Amino acid sequence: MTGFPSISWNLLLPQIVLLSTALFLLLLAVIYRGGGRSRGATVAGAVFSLLGLGVAAFMALAQYDTVADTFGAMLRLDPFSTFFTLLIIGGAALCVLLSVREAGGLKAMAGEYYALLIFSVLGMVVMVTAADLLVIFIGLETMSLAVYILVGIGGERENGAEGSLKYFLIGAFASAFLIYGIALLLGTTGTTRLDGIASGLNLAEGGSLQLVAVALVLIGFLFKIAAVPFHMWAPDAYEGAPTPITAFMAVAVKASAFAVLLRVLNVSLLPLADYWLPVMWTLAVLTMTVGNLAAIFQGNIKRMLAYSSIAHAGYLLVALASIDPAAAGVGNDPAMASVLFYLTVYTLMNVGAFGVLIYLGGGGRQMETLEQIKGTGFRYPLLGVAMTVFMFSLAGIPPTGGFLGKFYVFSAAVNRGLISLAIIGVLNSAASAYYYIRVTVQMYMRQSDEQLPGLPFSLPLAAAVLLALYGVFQLGIAPSDLLTAADRAVLFLR
């Protein structure tokens, strides 16, 4: 008789803390709803969310040097999974700070808002620690279902329900591709374990069926990173969602999806590198180009940043196309390390940009379009300077972290001899400067036709923007510590 899988519960402490926090927040929502105190639910939800995320981060950091399997070897704890666990938790904590004002407007749904946010983080952490495709799928669905609801939560935004429905329908379609691909891999290799799949891949026996299975699995993950042609959901979901959730999707969802994609490509599908490397090359070119061209014509800043996130997924795909299969698990691969560095910088500059938009909207006037932000640079000088730095970083202008992120990605392509791909990436980055700098031009060189109101001070928002601003400059000037951590993390990618 088969026994229960071996479980080292101490290795699962971050997940246990996140689950406990999410369940407690649900209970808190019921308590505050019964008392009719939506403001109390907002504050308490934010405080306990940050507390739970902080404890989970501490538990993960304490395990940073641990390399072990648990839960029947379906979960793997190593510096790679811990790096992404900390990145996801950090991005989520910043988004909680952005959410205090927005969640307060949800009234009856304020408590559930934070619970769903933590549930989605739990799903992401399960994804990045999974060593089995079925466990990855469970984490993916836990994350996705929570985010689908968060996009349309409250029902007060005009485009919220539409964005949520589109995200859900296309997401369900992508999940069907993924689970069907997993079933085919199980049938042709006899396992869903990531390392077992690698040893079971044999095109001489499995032939085209294994290639179809691999393609279906990759489609499921490419949807989550919004790679072309699986990007259709992103603009409507980003525009319709509450702005903190837009930031959350842009940073945490993308980071978790890339973490899984890196592990799947470099563990399960490494024997088929000759097949998927050219695919990543093509997807990188299409994703960069389509994202940047579409962003140029957007008047809504949230939609512009949605297409911008698609373009940044293209830059990260440049790094995936530059992976050296010979370096997997045996030495530092600058391409893989550049993905970890880039995602960290990307988290900071996106949270900062969305944080400025939320702060600007605190005067009772929407600040989501280029027309609406006219003249805000001189009216709110500190916010204007912060937004300028974030736009410059997204464009890849030194001395910001965004510049070094792109430099490392394109350098990895050059080192692998992919000169044409690096040139296309640099040209796309140069083109993106137009729509990023256009935001700064509107803030400083155009005058508003209306009197801009004063903005109430918000400590959580100010803290999130300042932390992001510090991180963007710090990683642009002194990136060595993060690079060292990224180099070490990819050594355990197996």
Protein backbone atom coordinates (compact mmCIF):
# COMPACT_ATOMS: atom_id res chain seq x y z
CA MET A 1 0.00 0.00 0.00
CA THR A 2 1.33 3.38 -0.98
CA GLY A 3 1.96 5.65 2.01
CA PHE A 4 1.50 9.35 2.36
CA PRO A 5 4.21 11.53 0.78
CA SER A 6 6.95 12.73 3.10
CA ILE A 7 6.22 16.27 4.23
CA SER A 8 8.64 18.64 5.93
CA TRP A 9 6.19 21.19 7.25
CA ASN A 10 8.92 23.63 8.24
CA LEU A 11 9.80 24.01 4.55
CA LEU A 12 6.22 25.10 3.87
CA LEU A 13 6.08 27.83 6.52
CA PRO A 14 5.76 30.74 4.00
CA GLN A 15 2.79 29.03 2.32
CA ILE A 16 1.21 28.19 5.67
CA VAL A 17 1.54 31.81 6.83
CA LEU A 18 0.02 33.12 3.59
CA LEU A 19 -2.91 30.68 3.78
CA SER A 20 -3.55 31.53 7.43
CA THR A 21 -3.43 35.26 6.62
CA ALA A 22 -5.91 34.90 3.75
CA LEU A 23 -8.35 32.88 5.88
CA PHE A 24 -8.05 35.34 8.76
CA LEU A 25 -8.75 38.24 6.37
CA LEU A 26 -11.93 36.50 5.20
CA LEU A 27 -13.05 36.17 8.80
CA LEU A 28 -12.15 39.81 9.40
CA ALA A 29 -14.25 40.83 6.40
CA VAL A 30 -17.30 39.10 7.89
CA ILE A 31 -16.76 40.74 11.28
CA TYR A 32 -16.43 44.25 9.87
CA ARG A 33 -19.27 43.79 7.42
CA GLY A 34 -21.56 42.86 10.30
CA GLY A 35 -20.62 46.10 12.03
CA GLY A 36 -20.97 48.16 8.84
CA ARG A 37 -17.46 49.58 9.21
CA SER A 38 -15.94 49.54 5.72
CA ARG A 39 -13.19 52.00 6.71
CA GLY A 40 -12.17 49.72 9.55
CA ALA A 41 -12.09 46.75 7.18
CA THR A 42 -9.81 48.69 4.83
CA VAL A 43 -7.28 49.68 7.49
CA ALA A 44 -7.34 46.35 9.31
CA GLY A 45 -7.09 44.46 6.03
CA ALA A 46 -4.04 46.45 4.95
CA VAL A 47 -2.33 46.08 8.34
CA PHE A 48 -2.87 42.33 8.62
CA SER A 49 -1.98 41.79 4.96
CA LEU A 50 1.34 43.56 5.43
CA LEU A 51 1.92 41.65 8.68
CA GLY A 52 1.25 38.30 7.01
CA LEU A 53 3.41 39.14 4.00
CA GLY A 54 6.19 40.33 6.29
CA VAL A 55 6.16 37.12 8.33
CA ALA A 56 6.07 34.99 5.17
CA ALA A 57 9.02 36.95 3.76
CA PHE A 58 10.96 36.45 6.99
CA MET A 59 10.29 32.70 6.86
CA ALA A 60 11.41 32.55 3.23
CA LEU A 61 14.54 34.58 3.93
CA ALA A 62 15.46 32.26 6.80
CA GLN A 63 15.36 29.36 4.32
CA TYR A 64 17.37 31.12 1.62
CA ASP A 65 20.28 28.65 1.69
CA THR A 66 18.08 25.58 2.01
CA VAL A 67 17.97 23.07 -0.86
CA ALA A 68 15.39 20.36 -0.22
CA ASP A 69 12.32 18.61 -1.61
CA THR A 70 9.10 18.07 0.27
CA PHE A 71 5.55 16.82 -0.21
CA GLY A 72 6.71 13.72 -2.06
CA ALA A 73 9.27 15.78 -4.03
CA MET A 74 6.44 17.74 -5.68
CA LEU A 75 7.67 20.96 -4.07
CA ARG A 76 11.30 22.09 -4.22
CA LEU A 77 12.85 24.70 -1.98
CA ASP A 78 16.08 26.25 -3.28
CA PRO A 79 17.59 29.73 -3.73
CA PHE A 80 15.82 30.08 -7.10
CA SER A 81 12.34 29.50 -5.66
CA THR A 82 13.19 31.59 -2.59
CA PHE A 83 14.36 34.50 -4.77
CA PHE A 84 11.03 34.58 -6.58
CA THR A 85 9.05 34.03 -3.37
CA LEU A 86 10.66 37.15 -1.90
CA LEU A 87 10.16 39.11 -5.14
CA ILE A 88 6.47 38.20 -5.32
CA ILE A 89 5.87 38.95 -1.63
CA GLY A 90 7.73 42.27 -1.94
CA GLY A 91 5.72 43.29 -5.00
CA ALA A 92 2.49 42.29 -3.27
CA ALA A 93 3.40 44.32 -0.16
CA LEU A 94 3.96 47.42 -2.30
CA CYS A 95 0.60 46.82 -4.00
CA VAL A 96 -1.09 46.56 -0.58
CA LEU A 97 0.28 50.03 0.21
CA LEU A 98 -1.15 51.26 -3.10
CA SER A 99 -4.51 49.68 -2.26
CA VAL A 100 -5.48 51.50 0.93
CA ARG A 101 -7.26 54.34 -0.84
CA GLU A 102 -8.78 52.17 -3.58
CA ALA A 103 -10.00 49.45 -1.23
CA GLY A 104 -11.69 52.08 0.91
CA GLY A 105 -13.98 52.89 -2.01
CA LEU A 106 -15.13 49.28 -2.35
CA LYS A 107 -17.29 49.53 0.77
CA ALA A 108 -18.72 46.04 1.40
CA MET A 109 -15.96 44.34 -0.60
CA ALA A 110 -13.01 45.97 1.21
CA GLY A 111 -12.24 42.96 3.40
CA GLU A 112 -12.49 40.41 0.61
CA TYR A 113 -10.17 42.54 -1.53
CA TYR A 114 -7.16 41.85 0.70
CA ALA A 115 -8.06 38.20 1.21
CA LEU A 116 -8.16 37.62 -2.54
CA LEU A 117 -4.86 39.45 -2.94
CA ILE A 118 -3.17 37.12 -0.42
CA PHE A 119 -4.80 34.03 -1.95
CA SER A 120 -3.33 35.00 -5.32
CA VAL A 121 0.11 35.46 -3.72
CA LEU A 122 -0.23 31.99 -2.18
CA GLY A 123 -0.91 30.55 -5.65
CA MET A 124 2.15 32.31 -7.03
CA VAL A 125 4.42 31.00 -4.25
CA VAL A 126 3.13 27.46 -4.87
CA MET A 127 3.90 27.92 -8.58
CA VAL A 128 7.51 29.00 -8.09
CA THR A 129 8.26 26.22 -5.58
CA ALA A 130 6.57 23.45 -7.57
CA ALA A 131 8.57 20.60 -9.07
CA ASP A 132 5.57 18.96 -10.73
CA LEU A 133 3.38 20.26 -13.56
CA LEU A 134 0.14 19.36 -11.75
CA VAL A 135 1.20 21.34 -8.68
CA ILE A 136 2.13 24.24 -10.96
CA PHE A 137 -1.36 24.03 -12.45
CA ILE A 138 -2.97 24.10 -8.99
CA GLY A 139 -0.93 27.17 -8.04
CA LEU A 140 -1.72 28.81 -11.37
CA GLU A 141 -5.46 28.35 -10.95
CA THR A 142 -5.38 29.54 -7.33
CA MET A 143 -3.65 32.70 -8.48
CA SER A 144 -5.81 33.18 -11.58
CA LEU A 145 -9.23 32.75 -9.96
CA ALA A 146 -8.38 35.35 -7.32
CA VAL A 147 -7.05 37.82 -9.90
CA TYR A 148 -10.08 37.34 -12.19
CA ILE A 149 -12.30 38.51 -9.31
CA LEU A 150 -9.97 41.34 -8.32
CA VAL A 151 -10.06 42.79 -11.85
CA GLY A 152 -13.82 43.32 -11.63
CA ILE A 153 -14.22 43.67 -7.85
CA GLY A 154 -16.82 46.15 -6.66
CA GLY A 155 -18.43 46.51 -10.08
CA GLU A 156 -18.19 50.31 -9.91
CA ARG A 157 -15.68 50.82 -12.72
CA GLU A 158 -17.24 51.11 -16.15
CA ASN A 159 -14.82 48.67 -17.77
CA GLY A 160 -14.19 46.45 -14.75
CA ALA A 161 -16.76 43.75 -15.51
CA GLU A 162 -15.78 43.66 -19.18
CA GLY A 163 -12.08 43.35 -18.40
CA SER A 164 -12.72 40.67 -15.79
CA LEU A 165 -14.91 38.63 -18.13
CA LYS A 166 -12.41 38.80 -21.00
CA TYR A 167 -9.56 37.87 -18.69
CA PHE A 168 -11.56 34.94 -17.29
CA LEU A 169 -12.68 33.55 -20.65
CA ILE A 170 -9.30 33.79 -22.33
CA GLY A 171 -7.61 32.56 -19.15
CA ALA A 172 -9.89 29.50 -19.01
CA PHE A 173 -9.08 28.83 -22.66
CA ALA A 174 -5.33 29.01 -21.91
CA SER A 175 -5.75 26.74 -18.87
CA ALA A 176 -7.43 24.15 -21.11
CA PHE A 177 -4.38 24.23 -23.40
CA LEU A 178 -2.10 23.79 -20.39
CA ILE A 179 -3.93 20.87 -18.76
CA TYR A 180 -4.30 19.09 -22.10
CA GLY A 181 -0.57 19.52 -22.70
CA ILE A 182 0.18 18.13 -19.22
CA ALA A 183 -2.05 15.11 -19.98
CA LEU A 184 -0.19 14.45 -23.22
CA LEU A 185 3.17 14.74 -21.48
CA LEU A 186 2.00 12.31 -18.82
CA GLY A 187 0.89 9.89 -21.51
CA THR A 188 4.13 10.09 -23.50
CA THR A 189 6.68 10.35 -20.69
CA GLY A 190 4.84 8.57 -17.85
CA THR A 191 5.24 11.42 -15.33
CA THR A 192 4.38 15.03 -14.55
CA ARG A 193 7.55 15.59 -12.50
CA LEU A 194 9.72 18.27 -14.11
CA ASP A 195 12.92 16.23 -13.92
CA GLY A 196 11.13 13.04 -14.96
CA ILE A 197 9.73 14.68 -18.08
CA ALA A 198 13.25 15.60 -19.21
CA SER A 199 14.43 11.99 -18.98
CA GLY A 200 11.23 10.71 -20.63
CA LEU A 201 11.36 12.96 -23.69
CA ASN A 202 12.26 10.90 -26.72
CA LEU A 203 11.23 12.24 -30.11
CA ALA A 204 12.23 8.97 -31.76
CA GLU A 205 9.41 7.25 -29.83
CA GLY A 206 7.03 10.06 -28.84
CA GLY A 207 7.51 11.97 -32.08
CA SER A 208 5.14 14.74 -33.00
CA LEU A 209 2.82 14.00 -30.06
CA GLN A 210 5.48 15.13 -27.59
CA LEU A 211 6.07 18.32 -29.59
CA VAL A 212 2.33 19.03 -29.55
CA ALA A 213 2.29 18.49 -25.77
CA VAL A 214 5.22 20.86 -25.29
CA ALA A 215 3.54 23.49 -27.48
CA LEU A 216 0.29 23.29 -25.49
CA VAL A 217 2.12 23.65 -22.16
CA LEU A 218 4.10 26.64 -23.42
CA ILE A 219 0.91 28.34 -24.69
CA GLY A 220 -0.53 28.18 -21.17
CA PHE A 221 2.47 29.97 -19.71
CA LEU A 222 2.89 32.44 -22.59
CA PHE A 223 -0.66 33.62 -21.96
CA LYS A 224 0.24 34.58 -18.39
CA ILE A 225 3.22 36.68 -19.50
CA ALA A 226 1.06 38.31 -22.23
CA ALA A 227 3.38 37.31 -25.07
CA VAL A 228 2.15 37.94 -28.61
CA PRO A 229 -0.16 36.44 -29.91
CA PHE A 230 -1.55 35.57 -26.45
CA HIS A 231 -1.74 39.17 -25.26
CA MET A 232 -5.29 40.13 -26.18
CA TRP A 233 -6.56 40.13 -22.61
CA ALA A 234 -3.99 42.53 -21.17
CA PRO A 235 -5.16 46.02 -22.32
CA ASP A 236 -8.81 45.55 -21.30
CA ALA A 237 -7.96 43.82 -18.02
CA TYR A 238 -5.37 46.47 -17.10
CA GLU A 239 -7.70 49.35 -17.93
CA GLY A 240 -10.77 47.86 -16.22
CA ALA A 241 -9.08 46.74 -13.01
CA PRO A 242 -8.57 48.97 -9.97
CA THR A 243 -5.18 50.63 -10.47
CA PRO A 244 -3.43 48.74 -7.60
CA ILE A 245 -4.58 45.45 -9.15
CA THR A 246 -3.31 46.61 -12.53
CA ALA A 247 0.09 47.12 -10.87
CA PHE A 248 -0.20 43.72 -9.17
CA MET A 249 -0.91 41.96 -12.46
CA ALA A 250 1.93 43.81 -14.18
CA VAL A 251 4.54 42.77 -11.64
CA ALA A 252 3.64 39.75 -9.49
CA VAL A 253 1.70 37.73 -12.07
CA LYS A 254 4.42 38.28 -14.66
CA ALA A 255 7.22 37.41 -12.22
CA SER A 256 5.60 34.12 -11.17
CA ALA A 257 4.87 33.12 -14.76
CA PHE A 258 8.45 33.80 -15.85
CA ALA A 259 9.79 31.85 -12.86
CA VAL A 260 7.78 28.80 -13.91
CA LEU A 261 8.70 29.25 -17.56
CA LEU A 262 12.40 29.38 -16.66
CA ARG A 263 12.19 26.21 -14.60
CA VAL A 264 10.14 24.31 -17.19
CA LEU A 265 12.42 25.28 -20.08
CA ASN A 266 15.64 24.58 -18.21
CA VAL A 267 14.57 21.40 -16.46
CA SER A 268 11.77 19.60 -18.30
CA LEU A 269 12.31 20.83 -21.86
CA LEU A 270 16.09 21.18 -21.91
CA PRO A 271 16.47 18.17 -24.27
CA LEU A 272 14.29 20.04 -26.79
CA ALA A 273 16.22 23.32 -26.59
CA ASP A 274 16.97 23.20 -30.32
CA TYR A 275 13.22 23.42 -30.91
CA TRP A 276 12.11 26.04 -28.39
CA LEU A 277 15.04 28.47 -28.62
CA PRO A 278 14.07 29.60 -32.18
CA VAL A 279 10.45 29.88 -31.01
CA MET A 280 11.52 32.20 -28.19
CA TRP A 281 13.54 34.26 -30.70
CA THR A 282 10.46 34.75 -32.88
CA LEU A 283 8.13 35.46 -29.95
CA ALA A 284 10.60 38.00 -28.53
CA VAL A 285 10.64 39.99 -31.79
CA LEU A 286 6.85 39.88 -32.21
CA THR A 287 6.12 40.73 -28.56
CA MET A 288 8.56 43.66 -28.39
CA THR A 289 7.40 45.13 -31.68
CA VAL A 290 3.65 44.71 -31.28
CA GLY A 291 3.71 45.96 -27.67
CA ASN A 292 5.69 49.10 -28.48
CA LEU A 293 3.79 49.97 -31.65
CA ALA A 294 0.44 49.63 -29.91
CA ALA A 295 1.59 51.66 -26.88
CA ILE A 296 2.53 54.62 -29.10
CA PHE A 297 -1.12 55.19 -30.05
CA GLN A 298 -2.65 54.97 -26.56
CA GLY A 299 -4.16 58.01 -24.87
CA ASN A 300 -5.01 56.15 -21.66
CA ILE A 301 -1.91 55.71 -19.49
CA LYS A 302 -3.10 52.41 -18.02
CA ARG A 303 -3.61 50.96 -21.50
CA MET A 304 -0.25 52.40 -22.52
CA LEU A 305 1.41 50.65 -19.57
CA ALA A 306 -0.47 47.46 -20.48
CA TYR A 307 1.07 47.44 -23.95
CA SER A 308 4.34 48.50 -22.36
CA SER A 309 4.20 45.39 -20.15
CA ILE A 310 3.77 43.31 -23.30
CA ALA A 311 6.88 44.93 -24.76
CA HIS A 312 8.82 44.24 -21.56
CA ALA A 313 7.75 40.61 -21.77
CA GLY A 314 9.39 40.70 -25.19
CA TYR A 315 12.65 41.98 -23.72
CA LEU A 316 12.57 39.13 -21.19
CA LEU A 317 11.93 36.66 -24.00
CA VAL A 318 15.17 37.95 -25.57
CA ALA A 319 16.92 36.56 -22.50
CA LEU A 320 15.07 33.23 -22.81
CA ALA A 321 16.12 33.01 -26.45
CA SER A 322 19.73 33.58 -25.31
CA ILE A 323 19.86 30.73 -22.78
CA ASP A 324 22.86 28.45 -23.15
CA PRO A 325 21.62 24.83 -22.74
CA ALA A 326 25.14 23.72 -21.84
CA ALA A 327 25.16 26.00 -18.78
CA ALA A 328 21.91 24.69 -17.29
CA GLY A 329 22.60 23.46 -13.76
CA VAL A 330 26.39 23.49 -14.11
CA GLY A 331 27.41 27.13 -14.20
CA ASN A 332 26.29 30.74 -14.31
CA ASP A 333 24.19 31.65 -17.31
CA PRO A 334 24.05 35.45 -17.71
CA ALA A 335 20.84 35.15 -19.73
CA MET A 336 18.93 33.49 -16.89
CA ALA A 337 20.43 35.79 -14.27
CA SER A 338 19.41 38.82 -16.36
CA VAL A 339 15.76 37.68 -16.19
CA LEU A 340 15.84 37.74 -12.38
CA PHE A 341 17.50 41.16 -12.30
CA TYR A 342 15.12 42.60 -14.91
CA LEU A 343 11.99 41.35 -13.14
CA THR A 344 13.12 42.95 -9.87
CA VAL A 345 13.69 46.33 -11.51
CA TYR A 346 10.48 45.98 -13.50
CA THR A 347 8.53 45.42 -10.29
CA LEU A 348 9.86 48.62 -8.73
CA MET A 349 9.39 50.95 -11.68
CA ASN A 350 5.87 49.71 -12.47
CA VAL A 351 4.66 49.89 -8.89
CA GLY A 352 6.10 53.40 -8.70
CA ALA A 353 4.42 54.57 -11.91
CA PHE A 354 1.02 53.19 -10.90
CA GLY A 355 1.49 54.60 -7.40
CA VAL A 356 1.94 58.11 -8.83
CA LEU A 357 -1.25 57.69 -10.90
CA ILE A 358 -3.20 56.64 -7.80
CA TYR A 359 -1.81 59.57 -5.80
CA LEU A 360 -2.71 62.04 -8.57
CA GLY A 361 -6.27 60.71 -8.51
CA GLY A 362 -6.67 61.55 -4.83
CA GLY A 363 -8.12 65.00 -5.45
CA GLY A 364 -11.44 63.69 -6.73
CA ARG A 365 -10.34 63.93 -10.36
CA GLN A 366 -9.38 60.96 -12.53
CA MET A 367 -5.73 60.96 -13.66
CA GLU A 368 -5.54 58.11 -16.14
CA THR A 369 -5.26 59.78 -19.54
CA LEU A 370 -2.63 62.01 -21.11
CA GLU A 371 -5.16 64.85 -21.23
CA GLN A 372 -5.93 64.57 -17.54
CA ILE A 373 -2.29 64.77 -16.38
CA LYS A 374 -1.55 68.03 -18.20
CA GLY A 375 0.28 70.46 -15.94
CA THR A 376 0.56 68.09 -12.99
CA GLY A 377 4.37 68.22 -13.01
CA PHE A 378 4.52 71.81 -11.70
CA ARG A 379 1.34 71.53 -9.63
CA TYR A 380 2.66 68.47 -7.77
CA PRO A 381 6.44 68.72 -8.18
CA LEU A 382 7.49 65.71 -6.11
CA LEU A 383 5.08 63.41 -7.91
CA GLY A 384 6.18 64.89 -11.23
CA VAL A 385 9.83 64.12 -10.52
CA ALA A 386 8.99 60.59 -9.36
CA MET A 387 6.91 59.87 -12.49
CA THR A 388 9.70 61.20 -14.69
CA VAL A 389 12.21 58.84 -13.06
CA PHE A 390 9.91 55.86 -13.50
CA MET A 391 9.23 56.71 -17.15
CA PHE A 392 12.96 57.14 -17.81
CA SER A 393 13.66 53.79 -16.15
CA LEU A 394 10.98 52.04 -18.21
CA ALA A 395 12.55 53.58 -21.32
CA GLY A 396 15.98 52.32 -20.26
CA ILE A 397 17.67 55.67 -19.69
CA PRO A 398 20.68 55.73 -17.28
CA PRO A 399 21.37 55.93 -14.37
CA THR A 400 18.21 53.99 -13.56
CA GLY A 401 17.78 50.28 -12.93
CA GLY A 402 15.77 49.96 -16.14
CA PHE A 403 18.85 50.84 -18.17
CA LEU A 404 20.97 48.13 -16.54
CA GLY A 405 18.14 45.60 -16.85
CA LYS A 406 18.00 46.07 -20.61
CA PHE A 407 21.78 46.22 -20.84
CA TYR A 408 22.15 42.79 -19.20
CA VAL A 409 19.40 41.25 -21.35
CA PHE A 410 20.81 42.53 -24.63
CA SER A 411 24.37 41.68 -23.54
CA ALA A 412 23.28 38.09 -22.98
CA ALA A 413 21.95 37.99 -26.54
CA VAL A 414 25.22 39.39 -27.91
CA ASN A 415 27.26 36.86 -25.90
CA ARG A 416 25.25 34.04 -27.50
CA GLY A 417 25.87 35.46 -30.97
CA LEU A 418 22.29 36.71 -31.43
CA ILE A 419 23.40 40.09 -32.73
CA SER A 420 20.30 40.67 -34.87
CA LEU A 421 18.00 39.98 -31.90
CA ALA A 422 19.95 42.41 -29.72
CA ILE A 423 19.74 45.11 -32.44
CA ILE A 424 15.97 44.61 -32.77
CA GLY A 425 15.67 44.89 -28.98
CA VAL A 426 17.70 48.11 -28.83
CA LEU A 427 15.63 49.64 -31.67
CA ASN A 428 12.41 48.71 -29.86
CA SER A 429 13.72 50.21 -26.65
CA ALA A 430 14.58 53.43 -28.48
CA ALA A 431 11.08 53.55 -30.00
CA SER A 432 9.50 53.08 -26.57
CA ALA A 433 11.17 56.27 -25.33
CA TYR A 434 8.62 58.23 -27.40
CA TYR A 435 5.55 57.20 -25.43
CA TYR A 436 7.29 57.18 -22.05
CA ILE A 437 8.73 60.68 -22.48
CA ARG A 438 5.35 61.83 -23.82
CA VAL A 439 3.97 61.36 -20.29
CA THR A 440 6.64 63.70 -18.91
CA VAL A 441 5.96 66.21 -21.70
CA GLN A 442 2.27 66.28 -20.79
CA MET A 443 3.09 66.80 -17.11
CA TYR A 444 5.55 69.66 -17.62
CA MET A 445 4.98 71.24 -21.04
CA ARG A 446 1.19 71.28 -21.36
CA GLN A 447 -1.23 73.34 -19.31
CA SER A 448 -4.47 71.99 -17.93
CA ASP A 449 -7.70 73.76 -18.87
CA GLU A 450 -9.04 73.14 -15.35
CA GLN A 451 -7.87 74.16 -11.91
CA LEU A 452 -6.00 71.19 -10.44
CA PRO A 453 -7.16 70.35 -6.90
CA GLY A 454 -4.95 69.86 -3.87
CA LEU A 455 -4.05 66.29 -2.96
CA PRO A 456 -4.58 64.81 0.51
CA PHE A 457 -1.44 63.26 1.97
CA SER A 458 -1.40 59.45 2.02
CA LEU A 459 1.37 57.80 4.04
CA PRO A 460 0.96 54.30 2.48
CA LEU A 461 1.04 55.71 -1.06
CA ALA A 462 3.99 57.97 -0.30
CA ALA A 463 5.89 55.05 1.26
CA ALA A 464 5.29 52.81 -1.78
CA VAL A 465 6.39 55.49 -4.26
CA LEU A 466 9.49 56.41 -2.23
CA LEU A 467 10.54 52.78 -1.81
CA ALA A 468 10.15 52.18 -5.53
CA LEU A 469 12.06 55.38 -6.32
CA TYR A 470 14.91 54.38 -4.03
CA GLY A 471 15.06 50.89 -5.52
CA VAL A 472 15.16 52.14 -9.11
CA PHE A 473 18.11 54.43 -8.35
CA GLN A 474 19.87 51.93 -6.09
CA LEU A 475 19.77 49.17 -8.71
CA GLY A 476 20.86 51.62 -11.39
CA ILE A 477 23.93 52.74 -9.43
CA ALA A 478 24.91 49.70 -7.31
CA PRO A 479 23.44 46.51 -8.82
CA SER A 480 26.14 44.10 -7.60
CA ASP A 481 24.25 42.61 -4.63
CA LEU A 482 21.18 41.77 -6.71
CA LEU A 483 23.33 40.39 -9.53
CA THR A 484 25.16 38.15 -7.08
CA ALA A 485 21.86 36.86 -5.69
CA ALA A 486 20.52 36.27 -9.22
CA ASP A 487 23.68 34.43 -10.31
CA ARG A 488 23.51 32.20 -7.25
CA ALA A 489 19.78 31.51 -7.68
CA VAL A 490 20.10 30.22 -11.25
CA LEU A 491 22.77 27.73 -10.18
CA PHE A 492 19.96 25.78 -8.47
CA LEU A 493 17.62 25.85 -11.46
CA ARG A 494 17.23 22.10 -11.85
